[in-house]
Amino acid sequence: MELNLEIRLRDDNTDFINELSDMKGVESAVLVSYNGDYMG
């Protein structure tokens, strides 16, 4: 199963991604920055 979420951060603290990666059953967690512009 793949899950994609859009989140907005109040600050630049991205430590939560490590907690997600460490959860049972999670194989990988990736944080991607998006500024609203599509390429292509």
PDB file of N, CA and C in Angstrom:
ATOM      1  N   MET A   1       0.841  -1.160   0.000  1.00  0.00           N
ATOM      2  CA  MET A   1       0.000   0.000   0.000  1.00  0.00           C
ATOM      3  C   MET A   1       0.892   1.231   0.000  1.00  0.00           C
ATOM      4  N   GLU A   2       0.492   2.223  -0.756  1.00  0.00           N
ATOM      5  CA  GLU A   2       1.231   3.487  -0.799  1.00  0.00           C
ATOM      6  C   GLU A   2       0.300   4.594  -0.318  1.00  0.00           C
ATOM      7  N   LEU A   3       0.832   5.487   0.488  1.00  0.00           N
ATOM      8  CA  LEU A   3       0.042   6.586   1.029  1.00  0.00           C
ATOM      9  C   LEU A   3       0.775   7.894   0.770  1.00  0.00           C
ATOM     10  N   ASN A   4       0.104   8.845   0.159  1.00  0.00           N
ATOM     11  CA  ASN A   4       0.664  10.168  -0.100  1.00  0.00           C
ATOM     12  C   ASN A   4      -0.132  11.184   0.704  1.00  0.00           C
ATOM     13  N   LEU A   5       0.571  12.036   1.420  1.00  0.00           N
ATOM     14  CA  LEU A   5      -0.068  13.061   2.230  1.00  0.00           C
ATOM     15  C   LEU A   5       0.518  14.421   1.916  1.00  0.00           C
ATOM     16  N   GLU A   6      -0.303  15.438   1.954  1.00  0.00           N
ATOM     17  CA  GLU A   6       0.178  16.808   1.846  1.00  0.00           C
ATOM     18  C   GLU A   6       0.094  17.426   3.229  1.00  0.00           C
ATOM     19  N   ILE A   7       1.210  17.955   3.687  1.00  0.00           N
ATOM     20  CA  ILE A   7       1.243  18.591   5.006  1.00  0.00           C
ATOM     21  C   ILE A   7       1.872  19.973   4.883  1.00  0.00           C
ATOM     22  N   ARG A   8       1.532  20.827   5.809  1.00  0.00           N
ATOM     23  CA  ARG A   8       2.132  22.153   5.877  1.00  0.00           C
ATOM     24  C   ARG A   8       2.791  22.282   7.250  1.00  0.00           C
ATOM     25  N   LEU A   9       4.068  22.656   7.245  1.00  0.00           N
ATOM     26  CA  LEU A   9       4.833  22.753   8.475  1.00  0.00           C
ATOM     27  C   LEU A   9       4.779  24.171   9.031  1.00  0.00           C
ATOM     28  N   ARG A  10       4.654  24.287  10.336  1.00  0.00           N
ATOM     29  CA  ARG A  10       4.696  25.598  10.985  1.00  0.00           C
ATOM     30  C   ARG A  10       6.121  26.120  11.062  1.00  0.00           C
ATOM     31  N   ASP A  11       7.062  25.201  11.160  1.00  0.00           N
ATOM     32  CA  ASP A  11       8.480  25.571  11.186  1.00  0.00           C
ATOM     33  C   ASP A  11       9.230  24.589  10.289  1.00  0.00           C
ATOM     34  N   ASP A  12      10.521  24.657  10.276  1.00  0.00           N
ATOM     35  CA  ASP A  12      11.312  23.786   9.404  1.00  0.00           C
ATOM     36  C   ASP A  12      11.717  22.471  10.063  1.00  0.00           C
ATOM     37  N   ASN A  13      11.067  22.083  11.145  1.00  0.00           N
ATOM     38  CA  ASN A  13      11.408  20.864  11.870  1.00  0.00           C
ATOM     39  C   ASN A  13      10.797  19.653  11.159  1.00  0.00           C
ATOM     40  N   THR A  14      11.661  18.821  10.595  1.00  0.00           N
ATOM     41  CA  THR A  14      11.207  17.633   9.870  1.00  0.00           C
ATOM     42  C   THR A  14      11.580  16.338  10.597  1.00  0.00           C
ATOM     43  N   ASP A  15      11.826  16.419  11.894  1.00  0.00           N
ATOM     44  CA  ASP A  15      12.211  15.236  12.670  1.00  0.00           C
ATOM     45  C   ASP A  15      11.140  14.147  12.662  1.00  0.00           C
ATOM     46  N   PHE A  16       9.878  14.526  12.428  1.00  0.00           N
ATOM     47  CA  PHE A  16       8.787  13.559  12.437  1.00  0.00           C
ATOM     48  C   PHE A  16       8.956  12.474  11.379  1.00  0.00           C
ATOM     49  N   ILE A  17       9.683  12.766  10.304  1.00  0.00           N
ATOM     50  CA  ILE A  17       9.847  11.776   9.239  1.00  0.00           C
ATOM     51  C   ILE A  17      10.625  10.561   9.745  1.00  0.00           C
ATOM     52  N   ASN A  18      11.540  10.777  10.680  1.00  0.00           N
ATOM     53  CA  ASN A  18      12.279   9.655  11.271  1.00  0.00           C
ATOM     54  C   ASN A  18      11.355   8.795  12.126  1.00  0.00           C
ATOM     55  N   GLU A  19      10.438   9.418  12.844  1.00  0.00           N
ATOM     56  CA  GLU A  19       9.469   8.659  13.651  1.00  0.00           C
ATOM     57  C   GLU A  19       8.564   7.829  12.746  1.00  0.00           C
ATOM     58  N   LEU A  20       8.154   8.391  11.618  1.00  0.00           N
ATOM     59  CA  LEU A  20       7.334   7.630  10.665  1.00  0.00           C
ATOM     60  C   LEU A  20       8.105   6.434  10.123  1.00  0.00           C
ATOM     61  N   SER A  21       9.363   6.640   9.779  1.00  0.00           N
ATOM     62  CA  SER A  21      10.190   5.557   9.236  1.00  0.00           C
ATOM     63  C   SER A  21      10.375   4.425  10.232  1.00  0.00           C
ATOM     64  N   ASP A  22      10.391   4.756  11.513  1.00  0.00           N
ATOM     65  CA  ASP A  22      10.615   3.757  12.558  1.00  0.00           C
ATOM     66  C   ASP A  22       9.359   2.990  12.960  1.00  0.00           C
ATOM     67  N   MET A  23       8.203   3.374  12.436  1.00  0.00           N
ATOM     68  CA  MET A  23       6.954   2.708  12.806  1.00  0.00           C
ATOM     69  C   MET A  23       6.902   1.292  12.233  1.00  0.00           C
ATOM     70  N   LYS A  24       6.303   0.404  12.981  1.00  0.00           N
ATOM     71  CA  LYS A  24       6.154  -0.986  12.553  1.00  0.00           C
ATOM     72  C   LYS A  24       5.360  -1.041  11.248  1.00  0.00           C
ATOM     73  N   GLY A  25       5.883  -1.776  10.281  1.00  0.00           N
ATOM     74  CA  GLY A  25       5.212  -1.951   9.002  1.00  0.00           C
ATOM     75  C   GLY A  25       5.574  -0.917   7.947  1.00  0.00           C
ATOM     76  N   VAL A  26       6.275   0.139   8.335  1.00  0.00           N
ATOM     77  CA  VAL A  26       6.672   1.165   7.375  1.00  0.00           C
ATOM     78  C   VAL A  26       8.017   0.779   6.775  1.00  0.00           C
ATOM     79  N   GLU A  27       8.054   0.642   5.457  1.00  0.00           N
ATOM     80  CA  GLU A  27       9.299   0.278   4.783  1.00  0.00           C
ATOM     81  C   GLU A  27      10.129   1.496   4.427  1.00  0.00           C
ATOM     82  N   SER A  28       9.479   2.602   4.077  1.00  0.00           N
ATOM     83  CA  SER A  28      10.213   3.832   3.790  1.00  0.00           C
ATOM     84  C   SER A  28       9.278   5.022   3.928  1.00  0.00           C
ATOM     85  N   ALA A  29       9.865   6.150   4.261  1.00  0.00           N
ATOM     86  CA  ALA A  29       9.130   7.412   4.353  1.00  0.00           C
ATOM     87  C   ALA A  29      10.018   8.486   3.730  1.00  0.00           C
ATOM     88  N   VAL A  30       9.440   9.276   2.842  1.00  0.00           N
ATOM     89  CA  VAL A  30      10.196  10.280   2.113  1.00  0.00           C
ATOM     90  C   VAL A  30       9.470  11.607   2.220  1.00  0.00           C
ATOM     91  N   LEU A  31      10.225  12.656   2.437  1.00  0.00           N
ATOM     92  CA  LEU A  31       9.675  14.003   2.505  1.00  0.00           C
ATOM     93  C   LEU A  31      10.116  14.757   1.258  1.00  0.00           C
ATOM     94  N   VAL A  32       9.153  15.266   0.498  1.00  0.00           N
ATOM     95  CA  VAL A  32       9.433  15.977  -0.745  1.00  0.00           C
ATOM     96  C   VAL A  32       8.912  17.398  -0.614  1.00  0.00           C
ATOM     97  N   SER A  33       9.727  18.360  -0.997  1.00  0.00           N
ATOM     98  CA  SER A  33       9.315  19.763  -0.974  1.00  0.00           C
ATOM     99  C   SER A  33       8.595  20.096  -2.277  1.00  0.00           C
ATOM    100  N   TYR A  34       7.514  20.834  -2.171  1.00  0.00           N
ATOM    101  CA  TYR A  34       6.719  21.227  -3.340  1.00  0.00           C
ATOM    102  C   TYR A  34       6.348  22.702  -3.199  1.00  0.00           C
ATOM    103  N   ASN A  35       6.621  23.478  -4.236  1.00  0.00           N
ATOM    104  CA  ASN A  35       6.367  24.917  -4.147  1.00  0.00           C
ATOM    105  C   ASN A  35       5.154  25.367  -4.947  1.00  0.00           C
ATOM    106  N   GLY A  36       4.423  24.438  -5.563  1.00  0.00           N
ATOM    107  CA  GLY A  36       3.217  24.787  -6.292  1.00  0.00           C
ATOM    108  C   GLY A  36       3.381  24.868  -7.792  1.00  0.00           C
ATOM    109  N   ASP A  37       4.596  24.745  -8.306  1.00  0.00           N
ATOM    110  CA  ASP A  37       4.836  24.804  -9.743  1.00  0.00           C
ATOM    111  C   ASP A  37       5.029  23.397 -10.308  1.00  0.00           C
ATOM    112  N   TYR A  38       4.258  23.058 -11.328  1.00  0.00           N
ATOM    113  CA  TYR A  38       4.426  21.768 -11.999  1.00  0.00           C
ATOM    114  C   TYR A  38       5.397  21.927 -13.155  1.00  0.00           C
ATOM    115  N   MET A  39       6.233  20.938 -13.347  1.00  0.00           N
ATOM    116  CA  MET A  39       7.162  20.932 -14.474  1.00  0.00           C
ATOM    117  C   MET A  39       6.626  19.931 -15.507  1.00  0.00           C
ATOM    118  N   GLY A  40       6.672  20.312 -16.766  1.00  0.00           N
ATOM    119  CA  GLY A  40       6.295  19.353 -17.802  1.00  0.00           C
ATOM    120  C   GLY A  40       5.116  19.689 -18.593  1.00  0.00           C
TER     121      GLY A  40
END
